[in-house]
């Protein structure tokens, strides 16, 4: 729509250019705030420092950990989770986060015998482990609100069969995507590879 010829032209307000250093500071503060918010509440990158999750995750793999889904659902068997050290682990001077696979859910009874993991006396089908476990464990009942977690490299993993269960509030998030190295780019578990036999 064009202006009428007899209409007075609008007066434009004079603006003063803003200090470029102030603009840069605002941009940096905004970016830092967004990065902090995303890392705290949505997702973050992590790397794998040990062999405890081989062959699924190898040393120096880089992962994206999502932090949203457990606000809407409970952790499920087979989820690969990152969690802060439990009280027992803190007593042993562990301060860094751990990454393991959820095996036992609250209320379930877990045992390891004859190279197999049993949940409520049913063997767990696992084609993701490095080798069959060479130890016996349990049976132990998982307390309410806690989880039993094991490393996929069963015989070289410091996990629940040593130090106990992980409270849900310790779980930081779920590993969903590997973004490094590029030749192994993709989802952590592209297919469902765990189930209770006979279920």
N, C-alpha and C. Protein backbone atom coordinates (compact mmCIF):
# COMPACT_ATOMS: atom_id res chain seq x y z
N UNK A 1 0.86 -1.19 0.00
CA UNK A 1 0.00 0.00 0.00
C UNK A 1 0.89 1.24 0.00
N UNK A 2 0.64 2.13 -0.95
CA UNK A 2 1.47 3.33 -1.07
C UNK A 2 0.91 4.45 -0.23
N UNK A 3 1.78 5.41 0.14
CA UNK A 3 1.34 6.56 0.91
C UNK A 3 0.63 7.56 0.00
N UNK A 4 -0.34 8.27 0.59
CA UNK A 4 -1.03 9.35 -0.14
C UNK A 4 -0.03 10.48 -0.39
N UNK A 5 -0.20 11.17 -1.55
CA UNK A 5 0.73 12.23 -1.90
C UNK A 5 0.65 13.41 -0.94
N UNK A 6 -0.55 13.66 -0.37
CA UNK A 6 -0.66 14.82 0.50
C UNK A 6 -0.39 14.48 1.97
N UNK A 7 0.03 13.25 2.24
CA UNK A 7 0.34 12.87 3.63
C UNK A 7 1.75 13.33 3.98
N UNK A 8 1.90 13.86 5.17
CA UNK A 8 3.21 14.30 5.60
C UNK A 8 4.12 13.10 5.80
N UNK A 9 5.36 13.20 5.39
CA UNK A 9 6.28 12.07 5.60
C UNK A 9 6.51 11.84 7.08
N UNK A 10 6.63 10.55 7.45
CA UNK A 10 6.85 10.18 8.84
C UNK A 10 8.26 10.61 9.26
N UNK A 11 8.32 11.07 10.48
CA UNK A 11 9.62 11.45 11.02
C UNK A 11 10.31 10.22 11.58
N UNK A 12 11.50 10.03 11.19
CA UNK A 12 12.24 8.86 11.67
C UNK A 12 13.06 9.26 12.88
N UNK A 13 12.99 8.38 13.89
CA UNK A 13 13.74 8.64 15.11
C UNK A 13 15.23 8.41 14.86
N UNK A 14 16.00 9.30 15.39
CA UNK A 14 17.43 9.15 15.22
C UNK A 14 17.94 8.10 16.21
N UNK A 15 18.75 7.20 15.71
CA UNK A 15 19.30 6.15 16.56
C UNK A 15 20.80 6.32 16.63
N UNK A 16 21.34 6.01 17.80
CA UNK A 16 22.77 6.07 18.00
C UNK A 16 23.34 4.67 17.88
N UNK A 17 24.38 4.50 17.12
CA UNK A 17 24.96 3.16 17.00
C UNK A 17 25.46 2.68 18.36
N UNK A 18 25.17 1.38 18.64
CA UNK A 18 25.57 0.81 19.92
C UNK A 18 27.05 0.46 19.90
N UNK A 19 27.64 0.53 21.04
CA UNK A 19 29.05 0.20 21.20
C UNK A 19 29.29 -1.23 20.70
N UNK A 20 30.22 -1.43 19.76
CA UNK A 20 30.45 -2.78 19.23
C UNK A 20 30.94 -3.76 20.29
N UNK A 21 31.68 -3.26 21.28
CA UNK A 21 32.13 -4.16 22.35
C UNK A 21 30.95 -4.66 23.19
N UNK A 22 29.96 -3.77 23.36
CA UNK A 22 28.76 -4.17 24.10
C UNK A 22 27.99 -5.23 23.32
N UNK A 23 27.91 -5.07 22.00
CA UNK A 23 27.25 -6.06 21.16
C UNK A 23 27.95 -7.42 21.25
N UNK A 24 29.27 -7.41 21.20
CA UNK A 24 30.04 -8.66 21.31
C UNK A 24 29.80 -9.31 22.67
N UNK A 25 29.80 -8.50 23.72
CA UNK A 25 29.58 -9.04 25.08
C UNK A 25 28.20 -9.67 25.18
N UNK A 26 27.18 -9.00 24.63
CA UNK A 26 25.82 -9.54 24.65
C UNK A 26 25.74 -10.88 23.92
N UNK A 27 26.40 -10.94 22.76
CA UNK A 27 26.40 -12.18 21.97
C UNK A 27 27.05 -13.32 22.73
N UNK A 28 28.20 -13.04 23.35
CA UNK A 28 28.92 -14.08 24.10
C UNK A 28 28.09 -14.55 25.30
N UNK A 29 27.49 -13.61 26.01
CA UNK A 29 26.68 -13.97 27.18
C UNK A 29 25.48 -14.81 26.76
N UNK A 30 24.82 -14.41 25.69
CA UNK A 30 23.66 -15.17 25.19
C UNK A 30 24.06 -16.57 24.77
N UNK A 31 25.16 -16.70 24.03
CA UNK A 31 25.63 -18.01 23.58
C UNK A 31 25.99 -18.90 24.77
N UNK A 32 26.68 -18.31 25.76
CA UNK A 32 27.06 -19.08 26.95
C UNK A 32 25.83 -19.54 27.72
N UNK A 33 24.84 -18.65 27.84
CA UNK A 33 23.60 -19.01 28.53
C UNK A 33 22.89 -20.15 27.83
N UNK A 34 22.79 -20.07 26.49
CA UNK A 34 22.13 -21.13 25.72
C UNK A 34 22.90 -22.44 25.83
N UNK A 35 24.23 -22.36 25.73
CA UNK A 35 25.04 -23.58 25.82
C UNK A 35 24.89 -24.22 27.19
N UNK A 36 24.90 -23.40 28.24
CA UNK A 36 24.73 -23.93 29.59
C UNK A 36 23.36 -24.58 29.76
N UNK A 37 22.33 -23.92 29.24
CA UNK A 37 20.97 -24.46 29.35
C UNK A 37 20.82 -25.78 28.61
N UNK A 38 21.36 -25.85 27.39
CA UNK A 38 21.28 -27.08 26.61
C UNK A 38 22.04 -28.20 27.31
N UNK A 39 23.26 -27.90 27.77
CA UNK A 39 24.09 -28.93 28.41
C UNK A 39 23.46 -29.40 29.72
N UNK A 40 22.83 -28.48 30.45
CA UNK A 40 22.26 -28.84 31.75
C UNK A 40 20.95 -29.60 31.61
N UNK A 41 20.10 -29.22 30.67
CA UNK A 41 18.75 -29.75 30.64
C UNK A 41 18.42 -30.60 29.42
N UNK A 42 19.17 -30.50 28.34
CA UNK A 42 18.77 -31.17 27.10
C UNK A 42 19.74 -32.28 26.70
N UNK A 43 20.97 -31.94 26.41
CA UNK A 43 21.92 -32.94 25.92
C UNK A 43 23.34 -32.44 26.14
N UNK A 44 24.28 -33.37 26.13
CA UNK A 44 25.69 -33.02 26.23
C UNK A 44 26.53 -34.09 25.57
N UNK A 45 27.75 -33.72 25.25
CA UNK A 45 28.69 -34.67 24.65
C UNK A 45 29.53 -35.30 25.74
N UNK A 46 29.85 -36.57 25.55
CA UNK A 46 30.72 -37.30 26.47
C UNK A 46 31.68 -38.16 25.67
N UNK A 47 32.82 -38.50 26.26
CA UNK A 47 33.72 -39.43 25.61
C UNK A 47 33.91 -40.65 26.51
N UNK A 48 34.35 -41.75 25.92
CA UNK A 48 34.52 -43.01 26.63
C UNK A 48 35.99 -43.15 27.02
N UNK A 49 36.29 -43.20 28.34
CA UNK A 49 37.68 -43.26 28.77
C UNK A 49 38.21 -44.67 29.02
N UNK A 50 37.32 -45.68 29.02
CA UNK A 50 37.77 -47.03 29.39
C UNK A 50 37.16 -48.07 28.46
N UNK A 51 37.57 -49.32 28.67
CA UNK A 51 37.10 -50.42 27.81
C UNK A 51 35.91 -51.16 28.42
N UNK A 52 35.30 -50.63 29.47
CA UNK A 52 34.27 -51.38 30.20
C UNK A 52 32.99 -51.62 29.39
N UNK A 53 32.77 -50.85 28.32
CA UNK A 53 31.56 -51.03 27.51
C UNK A 53 31.86 -51.63 26.14
N UNK A 54 33.09 -52.13 25.92
CA UNK A 54 33.38 -52.81 24.65
C UNK A 54 32.57 -54.10 24.56
N UNK A 55 32.15 -54.50 23.37
CA UNK A 55 32.46 -53.90 22.08
C UNK A 55 31.50 -52.78 21.64
N UNK A 56 30.46 -52.52 22.43
CA UNK A 56 29.48 -51.50 22.04
C UNK A 56 30.12 -50.13 21.92
N UNK A 57 30.89 -49.75 22.93
CA UNK A 57 31.56 -48.45 22.95
C UNK A 57 33.05 -48.68 23.15
N UNK A 58 33.85 -48.02 22.34
CA UNK A 58 35.30 -48.17 22.42
C UNK A 58 35.94 -46.93 23.04
N UNK A 59 37.16 -47.10 23.52
CA UNK A 59 37.87 -45.98 24.13
C UNK A 59 37.95 -44.81 23.14
N UNK A 60 37.64 -43.62 23.64
CA UNK A 60 37.65 -42.36 22.88
C UNK A 60 36.45 -42.17 21.96
N UNK A 61 35.48 -43.07 21.96
CA UNK A 61 34.22 -42.79 21.27
C UNK A 61 33.62 -41.52 21.86
N UNK A 62 33.00 -40.71 21.01
CA UNK A 62 32.29 -39.51 21.45
C UNK A 62 30.80 -39.73 21.27
N UNK A 63 30.04 -39.40 22.33
CA UNK A 63 28.60 -39.68 22.34
C UNK A 63 27.79 -38.43 22.65
N UNK A 64 26.53 -38.47 22.23
CA UNK A 64 25.55 -37.48 22.69
C UNK A 64 24.68 -38.15 23.74
N UNK A 65 24.57 -37.52 24.90
CA UNK A 65 23.74 -38.00 25.99
C UNK A 65 22.51 -37.11 26.07
N UNK A 66 21.33 -37.71 25.89
CA UNK A 66 20.11 -36.89 26.00
C UNK A 66 19.57 -36.99 27.42
N UNK A 67 19.01 -35.86 27.91
CA UNK A 67 18.61 -35.76 29.32
C UNK A 67 17.12 -35.54 29.52
N UNK A 68 16.35 -35.65 28.45
CA UNK A 68 14.94 -35.28 28.54
C UNK A 68 14.02 -36.46 28.82
N UNK A 69 14.25 -37.60 28.14
CA UNK A 69 13.26 -38.68 28.14
C UNK A 69 12.94 -39.23 29.52
N UNK A 70 13.91 -39.24 30.43
CA UNK A 70 13.64 -39.81 31.75
C UNK A 70 12.79 -38.91 32.64
N UNK A 71 12.46 -37.73 32.15
CA UNK A 71 11.47 -36.90 32.84
C UNK A 71 10.06 -37.38 32.52
N UNK A 72 9.94 -38.20 31.46
CA UNK A 72 8.62 -38.65 31.00
C UNK A 72 8.44 -40.16 31.07
N UNK A 73 9.53 -40.88 31.22
CA UNK A 73 9.45 -42.34 31.32
C UNK A 73 10.58 -42.85 32.19
N UNK A 74 10.43 -44.08 32.65
CA UNK A 74 11.47 -44.69 33.46
C UNK A 74 12.56 -45.29 32.56
N UNK A 75 13.79 -45.41 33.07
CA UNK A 75 14.81 -46.13 32.30
C UNK A 75 14.36 -47.56 31.99
N UNK A 76 14.76 -48.06 30.84
CA UNK A 76 14.36 -49.40 30.41
C UNK A 76 15.58 -50.31 30.34
N UNK A 77 15.31 -51.60 30.44
CA UNK A 77 16.39 -52.56 30.30
C UNK A 77 17.05 -52.39 28.93
N UNK A 78 18.37 -52.36 28.93
CA UNK A 78 19.10 -52.18 27.69
C UNK A 78 19.55 -50.77 27.43
N UNK A 79 18.96 -49.78 28.11
CA UNK A 79 19.41 -48.40 27.95
C UNK A 79 20.87 -48.28 28.40
N UNK A 80 21.66 -47.57 27.63
CA UNK A 80 23.03 -47.25 28.03
C UNK A 80 22.97 -45.88 28.69
N UNK A 81 23.29 -45.84 29.99
CA UNK A 81 23.08 -44.61 30.76
C UNK A 81 24.39 -44.08 31.34
N UNK A 82 24.41 -42.75 31.47
CA UNK A 82 25.50 -42.08 32.17
C UNK A 82 24.95 -41.65 33.52
N UNK A 83 25.73 -41.90 34.58
CA UNK A 83 25.25 -41.57 35.92
C UNK A 83 26.39 -41.05 36.78
N UNK A 84 26.03 -40.21 37.73
CA UNK A 84 27.02 -39.71 38.69
C UNK A 84 27.31 -40.79 39.72
N UNK A 85 28.48 -40.76 40.33
CA UNK A 85 28.84 -41.82 41.28
C UNK A 85 27.85 -41.95 42.43
N UNK A 86 27.58 -43.19 42.81
CA UNK A 86 26.74 -43.45 43.97
C UNK A 86 27.52 -43.11 45.24
N UNK A 87 26.82 -43.15 46.38
CA UNK A 87 27.50 -42.85 47.65
C UNK A 87 28.66 -43.81 47.89
N UNK A 88 28.44 -45.09 47.56
CA UNK A 88 29.50 -46.07 47.78
C UNK A 88 30.71 -45.77 46.89
N UNK A 89 30.46 -45.35 45.66
CA UNK A 89 31.56 -45.00 44.77
C UNK A 89 32.28 -43.73 45.24
N UNK A 90 31.53 -42.78 45.77
CA UNK A 90 32.16 -41.56 46.30
C UNK A 90 33.07 -41.89 47.48
N UNK A 91 32.65 -42.87 48.29
CA UNK A 91 33.49 -43.29 49.41
C UNK A 91 34.82 -43.86 48.92
N UNK A 92 34.82 -44.37 47.68
CA UNK A 92 36.04 -44.91 47.08
C UNK A 92 36.76 -43.86 46.24
N UNK A 93 36.34 -42.61 46.39
CA UNK A 93 36.98 -41.46 45.74
C UNK A 93 36.78 -41.42 44.23
N UNK A 94 35.64 -41.93 43.76
CA UNK A 94 35.27 -41.78 42.36
C UNK A 94 34.44 -40.50 42.23
N UNK A 95 34.85 -39.63 41.32
CA UNK A 95 34.14 -38.36 41.14
C UNK A 95 33.57 -38.19 39.74
N UNK A 96 34.12 -38.91 38.76
CA UNK A 96 33.67 -38.76 37.38
C UNK A 96 32.46 -39.65 37.11
N UNK A 97 31.66 -39.26 36.11
CA UNK A 97 30.47 -40.03 35.74
C UNK A 97 30.86 -41.40 35.17
N UNK A 98 29.97 -42.36 35.33
CA UNK A 98 30.12 -43.71 34.79
C UNK A 98 29.16 -43.89 33.63
N UNK A 99 29.44 -44.86 32.76
CA UNK A 99 28.51 -45.25 31.70
C UNK A 99 28.39 -46.77 31.70
N UNK A 100 27.15 -47.27 31.81
CA UNK A 100 26.89 -48.71 31.85
C UNK A 100 25.53 -48.97 31.20
N UNK A 101 25.19 -50.27 31.10
CA UNK A 101 23.90 -50.66 30.52
C UNK A 101 22.94 -51.09 31.64
N UNK A 102 21.70 -50.61 31.57
CA UNK A 102 20.68 -51.00 32.54
C UNK A 102 20.29 -52.46 32.30
N UNK A 103 20.41 -53.27 33.36
CA UNK A 103 20.07 -54.69 33.26
C UNK A 103 18.88 -55.04 34.16
N UNK A 104 18.95 -54.63 35.42
CA UNK A 104 17.88 -54.94 36.37
C UNK A 104 17.07 -53.71 36.72
N UNK A 105 15.74 -53.84 36.65
CA UNK A 105 14.82 -52.74 36.96
C UNK A 105 14.34 -52.85 38.40
N UNK A 106 13.77 -51.78 38.95
CA UNK A 106 13.31 -51.83 40.34
C UNK A 106 12.36 -53.00 40.58
N UNK A 107 12.62 -53.74 41.66
CA UNK A 107 11.78 -54.87 42.03
C UNK A 107 12.17 -56.20 41.40
N UNK A 108 13.05 -56.18 40.40
CA UNK A 108 13.47 -57.43 39.76
C UNK A 108 14.61 -58.08 40.54
N UNK A 109 14.71 -59.39 40.37
CA UNK A 109 15.80 -60.15 41.00
C UNK A 109 16.78 -60.57 39.92
N UNK A 110 18.04 -60.20 40.11
CA UNK A 110 19.08 -60.44 39.10
C UNK A 110 20.12 -61.40 39.67
N UNK A 111 20.54 -62.33 38.82
CA UNK A 111 21.62 -63.26 39.19
C UNK A 111 22.50 -63.49 37.97
N UNK A 112 23.76 -63.80 38.22
CA UNK A 112 24.69 -64.18 37.16
C UNK A 112 25.26 -65.55 37.54
N UNK A 113 25.06 -66.53 36.66
CA UNK A 113 25.59 -67.87 36.92
C UNK A 113 25.78 -68.60 35.60
N UNK A 114 26.78 -69.45 35.57
CA UNK A 114 27.06 -70.27 34.39
C UNK A 114 27.17 -69.45 33.11
N UNK A 115 27.77 -68.25 33.22
CA UNK A 115 27.99 -67.42 32.05
C UNK A 115 26.76 -66.73 31.51
N UNK A 116 25.68 -66.67 32.28
CA UNK A 116 24.45 -66.02 31.83
C UNK A 116 23.93 -65.08 32.90
N UNK A 117 23.22 -64.05 32.47
CA UNK A 117 22.51 -63.15 33.38
C UNK A 117 21.05 -63.60 33.42
N UNK A 118 20.51 -63.70 34.63
CA UNK A 118 19.11 -64.08 34.81
C UNK A 118 18.37 -62.95 35.50
N UNK A 119 17.21 -62.62 34.96
CA UNK A 119 16.32 -61.63 35.57
C UNK A 119 15.02 -62.33 35.92
N UNK A 120 14.70 -62.37 37.21
CA UNK A 120 13.52 -63.12 37.68
C UNK A 120 13.55 -64.56 37.17
N UNK A 121 14.74 -65.17 37.21
CA UNK A 121 14.97 -66.56 36.81
C UNK A 121 14.85 -66.81 35.32
N UNK A 122 14.74 -65.77 34.52
CA UNK A 122 14.73 -65.92 33.06
C UNK A 122 16.07 -65.45 32.50
N UNK A 123 16.69 -66.24 31.62
CA UNK A 123 17.97 -65.80 31.05
C UNK A 123 17.79 -64.60 30.13
N UNK A 124 18.73 -63.70 30.19
CA UNK A 124 18.69 -62.50 29.35
C UNK A 124 19.44 -62.77 28.06
N UNK A 125 18.78 -62.53 26.94
CA UNK A 125 19.43 -62.70 25.63
C UNK A 125 20.32 -61.50 25.38
N UNK A 126 21.61 -61.73 25.22
CA UNK A 126 22.57 -60.64 25.05
C UNK A 126 23.55 -60.98 23.94
N UNK A 127 23.49 -60.23 22.84
CA UNK A 127 24.48 -60.45 21.78
C UNK A 127 25.40 -59.24 21.65
N UNK A 128 25.44 -58.42 22.70
CA UNK A 128 26.26 -57.21 22.67
C UNK A 128 27.46 -57.30 23.60
N UNK A 129 27.62 -58.38 24.36
CA UNK A 129 28.70 -58.45 25.34
C UNK A 129 30.00 -58.94 24.69
N UNK A 130 31.12 -58.56 25.31
CA UNK A 130 32.43 -58.95 24.79
C UNK A 130 32.64 -60.45 24.95
N UNK A 131 32.28 -60.98 26.12
CA UNK A 131 32.38 -62.41 26.38
C UNK A 131 31.47 -62.74 27.55
N UNK A 132 31.19 -64.00 27.74
CA UNK A 132 30.31 -64.41 28.83
C UNK A 132 30.95 -64.08 30.17
N UNK A 133 30.13 -63.68 31.14
CA UNK A 133 30.70 -63.37 32.46
C UNK A 133 31.30 -64.61 33.10
N UNK A 134 32.47 -64.44 33.71
CA UNK A 134 33.18 -65.54 34.35
C UNK A 134 32.99 -65.52 35.87
N UNK A 135 32.04 -64.74 36.32
CA UNK A 135 31.79 -64.63 37.76
C UNK A 135 30.35 -65.00 38.06
N UNK A 136 30.08 -65.27 39.32
CA UNK A 136 28.72 -65.49 39.80
C UNK A 136 28.30 -64.29 40.64
N UNK A 137 27.01 -63.99 40.62
CA UNK A 137 26.49 -62.85 41.37
C UNK A 137 25.05 -63.15 41.78
N UNK A 138 24.71 -62.75 42.99
CA UNK A 138 23.33 -62.84 43.43
C UNK A 138 22.85 -64.24 43.76
N UNK A 139 21.53 -64.39 43.74
CA UNK A 139 20.52 -63.40 43.30
C UNK A 139 20.37 -62.23 44.27
N UNK A 140 20.15 -61.04 43.66
CA UNK A 140 19.92 -59.83 44.43
C UNK A 140 18.70 -59.11 43.88
N UNK A 141 17.84 -58.65 44.78
CA UNK A 141 16.64 -57.90 44.37
C UNK A 141 16.97 -56.42 44.28
N UNK A 142 16.58 -55.81 43.17
CA UNK A 142 16.85 -54.39 42.95
C UNK A 142 15.86 -53.57 43.78
N UNK A 143 16.34 -52.66 44.62
CA UNK A 143 15.44 -51.86 45.46
C UNK A 143 14.57 -50.90 44.63
N UNK A 144 13.46 -50.44 45.21
CA UNK A 144 12.62 -49.46 44.52
C UNK A 144 13.41 -48.20 44.17
N UNK A 145 13.17 -47.68 42.96
CA UNK A 145 13.81 -46.45 42.54
C UNK A 145 15.28 -46.58 42.21
N UNK A 146 15.78 -47.83 42.07
CA UNK A 146 17.18 -48.03 41.75
C UNK A 146 17.32 -49.03 40.60
N UNK A 147 18.54 -49.11 40.05
CA UNK A 147 18.79 -49.93 38.86
C UNK A 147 20.09 -50.69 39.02
N UNK A 148 20.13 -51.91 38.47
CA UNK A 148 21.36 -52.67 38.40
C UNK A 148 21.95 -52.45 37.02
N UNK A 149 23.21 -52.04 36.96
CA UNK A 149 23.85 -51.73 35.68
C UNK A 149 25.11 -52.57 35.54
N UNK A 150 25.38 -53.01 34.31
CA UNK A 150 26.58 -53.79 34.02
C UNK A 150 27.25 -53.23 32.78
N UNK A 151 28.57 -53.40 32.70
CA UNK A 151 29.28 -53.05 31.48
C UNK A 151 29.17 -54.18 30.48
N UNK A 152 29.20 -53.84 29.20
CA UNK A 152 29.13 -54.88 28.17
C UNK A 152 30.40 -55.74 28.14
N UNK A 153 31.49 -55.17 28.59
CA UNK A 153 32.74 -55.94 28.73
C UNK A 153 32.72 -56.55 30.13
N UNK A 154 31.86 -57.54 30.30
CA UNK A 154 31.47 -58.04 31.61
C UNK A 154 32.64 -58.36 32.54
N UNK A 155 33.69 -58.93 32.03
CA UNK A 155 34.79 -59.37 32.88
C UNK A 155 35.83 -58.28 33.12
N UNK A 156 35.61 -57.10 32.56
CA UNK A 156 36.52 -55.97 32.74
C UNK A 156 35.73 -54.70 33.00
N UNK A 157 34.73 -54.80 33.87
CA UNK A 157 33.87 -53.65 34.15
C UNK A 157 33.63 -53.54 35.64
N UNK A 158 33.88 -52.35 36.17
CA UNK A 158 33.59 -52.07 37.58
C UNK A 158 32.16 -51.55 37.65
N UNK A 159 31.24 -52.44 37.96
CA UNK A 159 29.82 -52.12 37.83
C UNK A 159 29.02 -52.61 39.04
N UNK A 160 27.70 -52.75 38.86
CA UNK A 160 26.83 -53.07 39.99
C UNK A 160 27.19 -54.37 40.69
N UNK A 161 27.78 -55.31 40.00
CA UNK A 161 28.07 -56.57 40.68
C UNK A 161 29.20 -56.40 41.70
N UNK A 162 29.91 -55.25 41.66
CA UNK A 162 30.90 -54.92 42.68
C UNK A 162 30.33 -53.99 43.76
N UNK A 163 29.66 -52.92 43.35
CA UNK A 163 29.35 -51.86 44.29
C UNK A 163 27.86 -51.56 44.49
N UNK A 164 26.98 -52.30 43.84
CA UNK A 164 25.55 -52.13 44.14
C UNK A 164 24.75 -51.40 43.08
N UNK A 165 23.69 -50.77 43.50
CA UNK A 165 22.67 -50.24 42.59
C UNK A 165 22.81 -48.72 42.38
N UNK A 166 22.18 -48.25 41.29
CA UNK A 166 22.21 -46.83 40.95
C UNK A 166 20.83 -46.22 41.20
N UNK A 167 20.72 -45.25 42.11
CA UNK A 167 19.44 -44.55 42.29
C UNK A 167 19.07 -43.77 41.03
N UNK A 168 17.79 -43.69 40.76
CA UNK A 168 17.36 -42.98 39.54
C UNK A 168 17.86 -41.54 39.51
N UNK A 169 17.91 -40.90 40.69
CA UNK A 169 18.32 -39.49 40.70
C UNK A 169 19.78 -39.30 40.31
N UNK A 170 20.56 -40.38 40.30
CA UNK A 170 21.95 -40.28 39.88
C UNK A 170 22.11 -40.35 38.36
N UNK A 171 21.06 -40.80 37.67
CA UNK A 171 21.17 -40.97 36.22
C UNK A 171 21.11 -39.61 35.54
N UNK A 172 22.16 -39.30 34.80
CA UNK A 172 22.28 -38.02 34.10
C UNK A 172 21.51 -38.05 32.79
N UNK A 173 21.61 -39.15 32.05
CA UNK A 173 20.92 -39.24 30.77
C UNK A 173 21.24 -40.54 30.06
N UNK A 174 20.73 -40.65 28.84
CA UNK A 174 20.84 -41.87 28.05
C UNK A 174 21.70 -41.62 26.82
N UNK A 175 22.64 -42.51 26.56
CA UNK A 175 23.48 -42.39 25.37
C UNK A 175 22.66 -42.76 24.14
N UNK A 176 22.61 -41.87 23.16
CA UNK A 176 21.76 -42.12 21.99
C UNK A 176 22.51 -42.14 20.67
N UNK A 177 23.55 -41.33 20.53
CA UNK A 177 24.24 -41.23 19.24
C UNK A 177 25.74 -41.17 19.46
N UNK A 178 26.49 -41.91 18.63
CA UNK A 178 27.95 -41.78 18.58
C UNK A 178 28.27 -40.87 17.40
N UNK A 179 29.01 -39.77 17.66
CA UNK A 179 29.34 -38.87 16.56
C UNK A 179 30.83 -38.91 16.18
N UNK A 180 31.61 -39.70 16.93
CA UNK A 180 33.02 -39.89 16.60
C UNK A 180 33.45 -41.25 17.09
N UNK A 181 34.22 -41.99 16.30
CA UNK A 181 34.77 -41.66 14.97
C UNK A 181 33.70 -41.76 13.88
N UNK A 182 33.95 -41.08 12.76
CA UNK A 182 32.96 -41.00 11.70
C UNK A 182 32.61 -42.36 11.11
N UNK A 183 33.56 -43.29 11.11
CA UNK A 183 33.26 -44.60 10.52
C UNK A 183 32.34 -45.44 11.41
N UNK A 184 32.06 -44.96 12.64
CA UNK A 184 31.13 -45.66 13.52
C UNK A 184 29.99 -44.73 13.92
N UNK A 185 29.76 -43.72 13.11
CA UNK A 185 28.71 -42.74 13.37
C UNK A 185 27.34 -43.42 13.40
N UNK A 186 26.50 -43.05 14.37
CA UNK A 186 25.15 -43.57 14.39
C UNK A 186 24.65 -43.87 15.79
N UNK A 187 23.48 -44.53 15.85
CA UNK A 187 22.86 -44.86 17.12
C UNK A 187 23.69 -45.88 17.89
N UNK A 188 23.52 -45.88 19.20
CA UNK A 188 24.27 -46.80 20.05
C UNK A 188 23.80 -48.23 19.85
N UNK A 189 22.51 -48.42 19.91
CA UNK A 189 21.92 -49.74 19.68
C UNK A 189 20.91 -49.60 18.54
N UNK A 190 21.35 -49.75 17.29
CA UNK A 190 20.44 -49.52 16.18
C UNK A 190 19.29 -50.52 16.11
N UNK A 191 19.44 -51.68 16.72
CA UNK A 191 18.36 -52.67 16.75
C UNK A 191 18.13 -53.11 18.19
N UNK A 192 16.90 -53.54 18.50
CA UNK A 192 16.69 -54.08 19.84
C UNK A 192 17.46 -55.39 19.99
N UNK A 193 18.42 -55.43 20.91
CA UNK A 193 19.30 -56.59 20.99
C UNK A 193 19.27 -57.22 22.36
N UNK A 194 18.22 -56.96 23.11
CA UNK A 194 18.13 -57.54 24.45
C UNK A 194 16.69 -57.90 24.73
N UNK A 195 16.48 -59.05 25.31
CA UNK A 195 15.14 -59.47 25.70
C UNK A 195 15.27 -60.61 26.68
N UNK A 196 14.22 -60.82 27.45
CA UNK A 196 14.19 -61.97 28.35
C UNK A 196 13.69 -63.17 27.56
N UNK A 197 14.46 -64.21 27.53
CA UNK A 197 14.05 -65.41 26.79
C UNK A 197 12.81 -65.99 27.44
N UNK A 198 11.88 -66.36 26.60
CA UNK A 198 10.63 -66.92 27.10
C UNK A 198 9.59 -65.90 27.47
N UNK A 199 9.93 -64.62 27.27
CA UNK A 199 8.97 -63.56 27.61
C UNK A 199 7.99 -63.36 26.49
